[in-house]
C-alpha cells in the first residue's frame, strides 16, 4: 500500500461534470499525493455522470454519495451531511490503514459532514461570493451566511480565488490567501478544428457557460465591427436572455460551439486571436476569478475584459480592461492585430500560473511540504 499522504477533496461539482477548479486541482495534486475526490451528494434516482459509488479516475478515487429523499430540507440537511461524512470516513479507513498523513481541501461540505470525519488539517477554498449568489440559485441568503460561518469556523486555513473575496472575508474577521485558478500550458501545435475552418478572421473567443453574467451586447458590438465571435460552452439552465442570444445566433459571424476540454479546447484557442471576458458588473462577478483567464494566456491570447477586480489585480498589460462598448471593441481589434507579437509574453505569464504551481501552494497550506 502506498505511503503517500492522502488528500480528500470535498468538492462543489461532480468529477465527471463540467471541468472547474475542483477537478483540475485534484488532478494536479494527484501527481504527488493520493486523492479522494468527493462529489456533492445527489438524490437517488437522479442521473450522475460516471455512475455511483466509488470509481477510479486516473489515479484519483471518486466517491459519489447519495442524498436522503428531500435531503436539502431542514432538518434532513444535517442528517444528510452526517451520513455523507460517515461514508467518506469509511472510504478513507480503507485507504489509511498504515496511518499515513491525511489532509482535507474543503470546497463544498456541510458542517455535519466535517464533524463526521477524522480530525486533520483542512484548507477551505472559497470560489465565489456565495451570499451574493444565493438569489441566483434560489437559496435564502441568511441561511447561506449561517452555513458559511459554520464552515469557516472549522478551517485551519482559508483560500479565496480573488482579492475582492479576500476583502469580503476580512470584514467578517477571516484571514485568507488568494489562490486564483490556474491553467495547463500546452506547447503542442494543434491543427485547426473542422468547425473553425469557415470562421472568418479575426476571431474573438469566449469559453465558459452562457449565462446572465455575460454581456451579450458587447459580443453584438464586436460582430458589428467585423470580428467573428466564437463561444465555446453550454447555456446555463437558469439563462434568461434568450432573445439576445437568438439574435446573435442569426448572425453569420457568431459561432456557438459545443463544450470541449483538454487538447480539443487548446486547438480552438490556438486558432483564435483574442480571449474575451465580457462580464456584466455585479457583486457576484466582482468576487470571481474567471477560470478562462490563464487558459487564454496559455494559448498565446491577450485578454479583453470588462472591469473585474481580479483582472486589474493581475496587472499585466496583455490584459485590457475596458468598461465602455466602443473602448472594448477598440481594445479587441488592437489585440487581434498584435496577436503574433505578444503571444510568447502571454504564454510566459501562463507558465507561472500552472495548476502544478497551484497544487504546490495547497500542499504548503496543508502542511505537506518542508
Protein backbone atom coordinates (compact mmCIF):
# COMPACT_ATOMS: atom_id res chain seq x y z
CA UNK A 1 0.00 0.00 0.00
CA UNK A 2 1.26 3.48 -0.84
CA UNK A 3 2.59 5.67 1.94
CA UNK A 4 1.91 8.89 0.10
CA UNK A 5 -0.21 11.41 2.05
CA UNK A 6 -3.93 11.25 1.33
CA UNK A 7 -5.75 14.42 0.28
CA UNK A 8 -9.54 14.34 0.50
CA UNK A 9 -11.29 16.96 -1.65
CA UNK A 10 -14.87 17.75 -0.68
CA UNK A 11 -15.94 19.21 -4.00
CA UNK A 12 -18.67 21.51 -5.27
CA UNK A 13 -19.04 19.84 -8.66
CA UNK A 14 -19.01 16.17 -9.83
CA UNK A 15 -15.62 14.95 -11.01
CA UNK A 16 -17.03 13.86 -14.38
CA UNK A 17 -19.04 17.06 -14.83
CA UNK A 18 -18.07 20.48 -16.19
CA UNK A 19 -14.33 20.76 -15.52
CA UNK A 20 -13.77 23.55 -13.00
CA UNK A 21 -11.27 24.49 -10.29
CA UNK A 22 -12.17 21.42 -8.20
CA UNK A 23 -11.29 18.74 -10.73
CA UNK A 24 -8.22 20.49 -12.10
CA UNK A 25 -6.76 20.98 -8.64
CA UNK A 26 -7.47 17.31 -7.85
CA UNK A 27 -5.58 16.15 -10.93
CA UNK A 28 -2.63 18.40 -10.11
CA UNK A 29 -2.47 17.18 -6.50
CA UNK A 30 -2.68 13.56 -7.68
CA UNK A 31 0.79 13.91 -9.18
CA UNK A 32 2.36 13.74 -5.71
CA UNK A 33 -0.43 12.59 -3.39
CA UNK A 34 -3.24 10.06 -3.29
CA UNK A 35 -6.52 11.88 -3.78
CA UNK A 36 -10.08 11.00 -2.77
CA UNK A 37 -12.49 13.30 -4.58
CA UNK A 38 -15.94 13.53 -3.00
CA UNK A 39 -18.71 14.59 -5.36
CA UNK A 40 -21.54 16.71 -3.93
CA UNK A 41 -24.39 14.39 -2.90
CA UNK A 42 -27.30 13.93 -5.28
CA UNK A 43 -30.76 12.49 -4.79
CA UNK A 44 -31.39 8.82 -5.51
CA UNK A 45 -32.71 8.26 -9.00
CA UNK A 46 -31.08 11.39 -10.38
CA UNK A 47 -28.59 10.58 -13.17
CA UNK A 48 -24.94 11.20 -12.42
CA UNK A 49 -22.05 11.17 -14.93
CA UNK A 50 -19.69 8.32 -14.19
CA UNK A 51 -22.12 6.20 -12.20
CA UNK A 52 -22.40 5.66 -8.45
CA UNK A 53 -20.32 4.51 -5.53
CA UNK A 54 -16.53 4.72 -5.86
CA UNK A 55 -14.68 4.89 -9.17
CA UNK A 56 -11.05 5.34 -10.16
CA UNK A 57 -10.29 8.27 -12.44
CA UNK A 58 -6.64 8.48 -13.45
CA UNK A 59 -5.25 7.70 -10.02
CA UNK A 60 -7.98 9.61 -8.17
CA UNK A 61 -10.68 7.78 -6.22
CA UNK A 62 -14.05 9.45 -6.85
CA UNK A 63 -16.70 8.97 -4.18
CA UNK A 64 -20.27 9.66 -5.31
CA UNK A 65 -22.55 9.91 -2.24
CA UNK A 66 -26.33 9.85 -2.45
CA UNK A 67 -28.67 12.17 -0.62
CA UNK A 68 -31.65 11.26 1.51
CA UNK A 69 -35.04 11.96 -0.11
CA UNK A 70 -35.73 15.68 0.48
CA UNK A 71 -32.22 15.81 1.92
CA UNK A 72 -31.79 19.54 1.26
CA UNK A 73 -34.65 20.39 3.58
CA UNK A 74 -34.21 21.11 7.25
CA UNK A 75 -33.75 19.08 9.47
CA UNK A 76 -32.78 16.38 6.93
CA UNK A 77 -29.96 18.59 5.61
CA UNK A 78 -27.90 17.98 8.77
CA UNK A 79 -28.58 14.24 8.70
CA UNK A 80 -27.64 14.04 5.03
CA UNK A 81 -24.39 15.84 5.77
CA UNK A 82 -23.58 13.48 8.63
CA UNK A 83 -24.25 10.38 6.51
CA UNK A 84 -22.05 11.74 3.70
CA UNK A 85 -19.27 12.21 6.24
CA UNK A 86 -19.71 8.65 7.56
CA UNK A 87 -19.49 7.27 4.01
CA UNK A 88 -16.36 9.25 3.24
CA UNK A 89 -14.83 8.21 6.56
CA UNK A 90 -15.38 4.54 5.64
CA UNK A 91 -13.70 5.04 2.29
CA UNK A 92 -10.77 6.80 3.97
CA UNK A 93 -10.43 3.99 6.51
CA UNK A 94 -9.80 1.50 3.70
CA UNK A 95 -7.01 3.72 2.40
CA UNK A 96 -5.26 4.80 5.60
CA UNK A 97 -4.55 1.55 7.45
CA UNK A 98 -0.88 2.48 7.61
CA UNK A 99 -1.76 5.71 9.50
CA UNK A 100 -0.32 7.96 6.82
CA UNK A 101 -0.98 11.68 6.71
CA UNK A 102 -4.49 12.82 5.80
CA UNK A 103 -5.49 16.33 4.76
CA UNK A 104 -8.72 17.96 3.56
CA UNK A 105 -9.43 20.51 0.86
CA UNK A 106 -12.97 21.70 1.57
CA UNK A 107 -14.77 23.40 -1.31
CA UNK A 108 -18.35 22.43 -0.50
CA UNK A 109 -19.42 20.44 2.55
CA UNK A 110 -21.86 20.85 5.40
CA UNK A 111 -20.60 21.40 8.93
CA UNK A 112 -22.06 17.99 9.86
CA UNK A 113 -20.04 16.26 7.15
CA UNK A 114 -16.86 17.75 8.55
CA UNK A 115 -17.77 16.74 12.11
CA UNK A 116 -18.19 13.12 10.98
CA UNK A 117 -14.67 12.98 9.53
CA UNK A 118 -11.48 12.21 11.45
CA UNK A 119 -9.75 15.37 12.61
CA UNK A 120 -6.97 16.53 10.27
CA UNK A 121 -5.67 19.78 8.87
CA UNK A 122 -8.06 21.39 6.37
CA UNK A 123 -7.86 24.18 3.83
CA UNK A 124 -11.18 25.70 2.81
CA UNK A 125 -11.43 27.14 -0.70
CA UNK A 126 -13.93 29.93 -1.35
CA UNK A 127 -14.55 30.21 -5.10
CA UNK A 128 -17.45 32.67 -5.18
CA UNK A 129 -19.37 35.18 -3.12
CA UNK A 130 -21.91 32.56 -2.08
CA UNK A 131 -24.08 35.02 -0.18
CA UNK A 132 -24.32 37.43 -3.12
CA UNK A 133 -25.00 34.47 -5.42
CA UNK A 134 -27.76 32.96 -3.26
CA UNK A 135 -30.51 34.74 -5.19
CA UNK A 136 -29.10 33.43 -8.48
CA UNK A 137 -29.80 29.84 -7.39
CA UNK A 138 -32.91 30.49 -5.31
CA UNK A 139 -31.48 29.92 -1.81
CA UNK A 140 -32.09 32.08 1.24
CA UNK A 141 -29.05 34.36 1.71
CA UNK A 142 -29.33 34.31 5.52
CA UNK A 143 -29.21 30.51 5.51
CA UNK A 144 -26.18 30.53 3.20
CA UNK A 145 -24.47 33.01 5.53
CA UNK A 146 -25.04 30.83 8.59
CA UNK A 147 -23.76 27.70 6.86
CA UNK A 148 -20.73 29.59 5.54
CA UNK A 149 -19.88 30.88 9.02
CA UNK A 150 -20.12 27.35 10.44
CA UNK A 151 -17.76 26.05 7.76
CA UNK A 152 -15.19 28.79 8.26
CA UNK A 153 -15.09 28.06 11.98
CA UNK A 154 -13.74 24.59 11.16
CA UNK A 155 -10.98 25.75 8.79
CA UNK A 156 -7.26 25.65 9.60
CA UNK A 157 -6.55 27.84 6.55
CA UNK A 158 -8.73 29.63 4.01
CA UNK A 159 -8.06 30.30 0.31
CA UNK A 160 -10.03 32.59 -1.97
CA UNK A 161 -9.84 32.97 -5.73
CA UNK A 162 -9.86 36.77 -5.91
CA UNK A 163 -8.71 39.84 -3.96
CA UNK A 164 -12.30 41.09 -3.73
CA UNK A 165 -13.29 37.90 -1.92
CA UNK A 166 -10.36 38.36 0.44
CA UNK A 167 -11.62 41.84 1.31
CA UNK A 168 -15.12 40.46 1.99
CA UNK A 169 -13.71 37.82 4.33
CA UNK A 170 -11.55 40.37 6.13
CA UNK A 171 -14.73 42.28 7.00
CA UNK A 172 -16.03 39.04 8.55
CA UNK A 173 -12.83 38.62 10.56
CA UNK A 174 -11.46 35.80 8.38
CA UNK A 175 -7.90 35.81 7.07
CA UNK A 176 -7.26 34.16 3.71
CA UNK A 177 -4.76 33.65 0.90
CA UNK A 178 -5.55 34.48 -2.73
CA UNK A 179 -5.05 31.40 -4.94
CA UNK A 180 -6.72 32.02 -8.31
CA UNK A 181 -7.49 29.42 -10.94
CA UNK A 182 -4.53 28.13 -12.93
CA UNK A 183 -4.01 26.60 -16.37
CA UNK A 184 -2.44 23.65 -18.15
CA UNK A 185 0.09 25.05 -20.65
CA UNK A 186 0.21 23.10 -23.88
CA UNK A 187 3.14 23.71 -26.24
CA UNK A 188 1.79 21.33 -28.89
CA UNK A 189 0.66 22.97 -32.12
CA UNK A 190 -2.79 21.60 -32.90
CA UNK A 191 -4.48 21.53 -36.31
CA UNK A 192 -7.38 23.87 -36.85
CA UNK A 193 -10.66 22.27 -35.71
CA UNK A 194 -13.07 21.49 -38.53
CA UNK A 195 -15.79 23.70 -37.05
CA UNK A 196 -13.48 26.74 -37.20
CA UNK A 197 -12.31 26.39 -40.80
CA UNK A 198 -15.10 28.56 -42.22
CA UNK A 199 -14.97 31.17 -39.45
CA UNK A 200 -13.63 34.46 -40.77
CA UNK A 201 -10.63 36.15 -39.16
CA UNK A 202 -10.13 37.94 -36.86
CA UNK A 203 -11.67 35.67 -34.23
CA UNK A 204 -12.54 36.59 -30.66
CA UNK A 205 -13.29 33.63 -28.39
CA UNK A 206 -15.28 33.21 -25.19
CA UNK A 207 -15.12 29.91 -23.30
CA UNK A 208 -17.46 29.00 -20.50
CA UNK A 209 -21.13 28.89 -19.69
CA UNK A 210 -23.51 31.25 -21.46
CA UNK A 211 -25.32 32.77 -18.50
CA UNK A 212 -26.89 36.00 -17.34
CA UNK A 213 -23.45 37.00 -16.09
CA UNK A 214 -22.35 37.63 -19.68
CA UNK A 215 -22.84 40.93 -21.54
CA UNK A 216 -24.13 39.72 -24.90
CA UNK A 217 -24.40 43.30 -26.15
CA UNK A 218 -20.59 43.50 -26.22
CA UNK A 219 -20.50 40.43 -28.44
CA UNK A 220 -23.04 42.05 -30.76
CA UNK A 221 -20.85 45.17 -30.96
CA UNK A 222 -17.83 43.06 -31.94
CA UNK A 223 -19.84 41.44 -34.72
CA UNK A 224 -20.82 44.89 -35.99
CA UNK A 225 -17.11 45.80 -36.07
CA UNK A 226 -16.32 42.84 -38.33
CA UNK A 227 -14.92 40.48 -35.69
CA UNK A 228 -16.08 36.88 -35.61
CA UNK A 229 -17.16 35.72 -32.15
CA UNK A 230 -16.66 32.07 -31.16
CA UNK A 231 -18.43 30.88 -28.00
CA UNK A 232 -17.43 27.51 -26.57
CA UNK A 233 -19.67 26.13 -23.84
CA UNK A 234 -23.20 25.26 -22.79
CA UNK A 235 -26.14 27.52 -21.99
CA UNK A 236 -26.83 27.62 -18.26
CA UNK A 237 -30.23 26.24 -17.32
CA UNK A 238 -31.08 29.48 -15.47
CA UNK A 239 -30.26 31.65 -18.50
CA UNK A 240 -32.96 34.26 -19.29
CA UNK A 241 -31.55 36.37 -22.15
CA UNK A 242 -32.93 34.08 -24.83
CA UNK A 243 -33.98 36.85 -27.24
CA UNK A 244 -30.48 38.38 -27.23
CA UNK A 245 -28.84 35.01 -27.80
CA UNK A 246 -31.30 34.15 -30.57
CA UNK A 247 -30.38 37.40 -32.32
CA UNK A 248 -26.67 36.55 -32.12
CA UNK A 249 -27.25 33.05 -33.46
CA UNK A 250 -28.83 34.54 -36.60
CA UNK A 251 -25.62 36.39 -37.46
CA UNK A 252 -23.16 34.56 -39.75
CA UNK A 253 -20.10 35.71 -37.78
CA UNK A 254 -21.37 34.30 -34.47
CA UNK A 255 -20.45 30.68 -33.81
CA UNK A 256 -21.63 28.71 -30.78
CA UNK A 257 -19.62 25.51 -30.36
CA UNK A 258 -20.18 22.59 -28.03
CA UNK A 259 -18.17 22.25 -24.81
CA UNK A 260 -14.71 20.79 -25.04
CA UNK A 261 -11.71 20.32 -22.78
CA UNK A 262 -8.04 19.38 -22.97
CA UNK A 263 -6.40 19.31 -26.38
CA UNK A 264 -9.71 19.99 -28.15
CA UNK A 265 -10.08 23.25 -26.26
CA UNK A 266 -6.43 24.19 -26.78
CA UNK A 267 -6.91 23.65 -30.51
CA UNK A 268 -9.80 26.13 -30.60
CA UNK A 269 -7.90 28.73 -28.60
CA UNK A 270 -4.74 28.41 -30.69
CA UNK A 271 -6.72 29.29 -33.79
CA UNK A 272 -8.39 32.39 -32.34
CA UNK A 273 -6.92 35.85 -31.88
CA UNK A 274 -8.12 37.24 -28.54
CA UNK A 275 -9.87 35.94 -25.42
CA UNK A 276 -12.99 37.65 -24.08
CA UNK A 277 -14.20 38.14 -20.51
CA UNK A 278 -17.35 40.24 -21.11
CA UNK A 279 -18.97 40.06 -17.66
CA UNK A 280 -21.72 42.38 -16.54
CA UNK A 281 -20.96 44.36 -13.40
CA UNK A 282 -22.33 42.77 -10.24
CA UNK A 283 -21.17 41.96 -6.72
CA UNK A 284 -21.08 38.27 -7.64
CA UNK A 285 -18.93 38.88 -10.73
CA UNK A 286 -16.65 41.29 -8.87
CA UNK A 287 -15.82 38.48 -6.45
CA UNK A 288 -14.99 35.95 -9.16
CA UNK A 289 -11.80 34.89 -10.87
CA UNK A 290 -12.66 33.61 -14.36
CA UNK A 291 -11.19 30.17 -14.92
CA UNK A 292 -10.69 31.08 -18.55
CA UNK A 293 -8.17 33.89 -17.92
CA UNK A 294 -4.95 31.89 -17.75
CA UNK A 295 -6.26 29.39 -20.32
CA UNK A 296 -6.41 32.24 -22.84
CA UNK A 297 -2.89 33.36 -21.94
CA UNK A 298 -1.58 29.78 -22.18
CA UNK A 299 -2.72 29.73 -25.81
CA UNK A 300 -0.89 32.99 -26.51
CA UNK A 301 -4.03 35.13 -26.48
CA UNK A 302 -4.32 38.57 -24.99
CA UNK A 303 -7.45 39.23 -22.92
CA UNK A 304 -10.07 41.93 -23.26
CA UNK A 305 -12.18 42.13 -20.12
CA UNK A 306 -14.83 44.31 -18.58
CA UNK A 307 -13.71 45.90 -15.26
CA UNK A 308 -13.28 42.95 -12.90
CA UNK A 309 -11.17 43.47 -9.76
CA UNK A 310 -9.37 40.17 -10.35
CA UNK A 311 -8.21 41.19 -13.83
CA UNK A 312 -6.97 44.57 -12.57
CA UNK A 313 -5.20 42.79 -9.69
CA UNK A 314 -3.18 40.66 -12.13
CA UNK A 315 -1.70 43.87 -13.51
CA UNK A 316 -0.44 42.61 -16.88
CA UNK A 317 -0.65 44.88 -19.92
CA UNK A 318 -1.71 41.97 -22.13
CA UNK A 319 -4.98 42.10 -20.16
CA UNK A 320 -7.00 45.03 -21.49
CA UNK A 321 -9.76 46.28 -19.19
CA UNK A 322 -12.50 48.39 -20.75
CA UNK A 323 -15.92 49.30 -19.40
CA UNK A 324 -17.40 51.17 -22.38
CA UNK A 325 -18.58 49.40 -25.51
CA UNK A 326 -16.54 51.42 -28.02
CA UNK A 327 -13.36 51.08 -25.96
CA UNK A 328 -13.96 47.35 -25.55
CA UNK A 329 -14.27 46.96 -29.33
CA UNK A 330 -11.14 49.07 -29.99
CA UNK A 331 -9.12 47.05 -27.50
CA UNK A 332 -10.30 43.80 -29.11
CA UNK A 333 -9.30 44.97 -32.58
CA UNK A 334 -5.87 46.09 -31.31
CA UNK A 335 -5.30 42.77 -29.52
CA UNK A 336 -6.16 40.86 -32.70
CA UNK A 337 -3.67 42.90 -34.71
CA UNK A 338 -0.84 42.37 -32.21
CA UNK A 339 -1.59 38.69 -31.57
CA UNK A 340 1.61 37.44 -33.21
CA UNK A 341 3.95 39.83 -31.44
CA UNK A 342 2.73 39.23 -27.87
CA UNK A 343 1.93 35.51 -27.87
CA UNK A 344 5.15 34.45 -26.11
CA UNK A 345 4.64 37.09 -23.44
CA UNK A 346 1.17 35.70 -22.75
CA UNK A 347 2.48 32.14 -22.56
CA UNK A 348 5.21 33.13 -20.11
CA UNK A 349 2.62 34.58 -17.73
CA UNK A 350 0.56 31.40 -18.02
CA UNK A 351 3.58 29.20 -17.29
CA UNK A 352 3.97 30.90 -13.90
CA UNK A 353 0.32 30.11 -13.12
CA UNK A 354 0.03 26.42 -13.93
CA UNK A 355 -2.15 24.02 -11.97
CA UNK A 356 1.07 22.38 -10.82
CA UNK A 357 2.05 25.66 -9.16
CA UNK A 358 -1.41 25.92 -7.59
CA UNK A 359 -1.09 22.38 -6.21
CA UNK A 360 2.23 23.34 -4.64
CA UNK A 361 0.57 26.27 -2.84
CA UNK A 362 -2.14 24.00 -1.47
CA UNK A 363 0.43 21.40 -0.41
CA UNK A 364 2.21 24.09 1.59
CA UNK A 365 -1.01 25.28 3.23
CA UNK A 366 -1.92 21.68 4.03
CA UNK A 367 1.43 21.16 5.77
CA UNK A 368 2.64 18.57 3.28
CA UNK A 369 5.90 20.32 2.37
CA UNK A 370 9.03 21.28 4.23
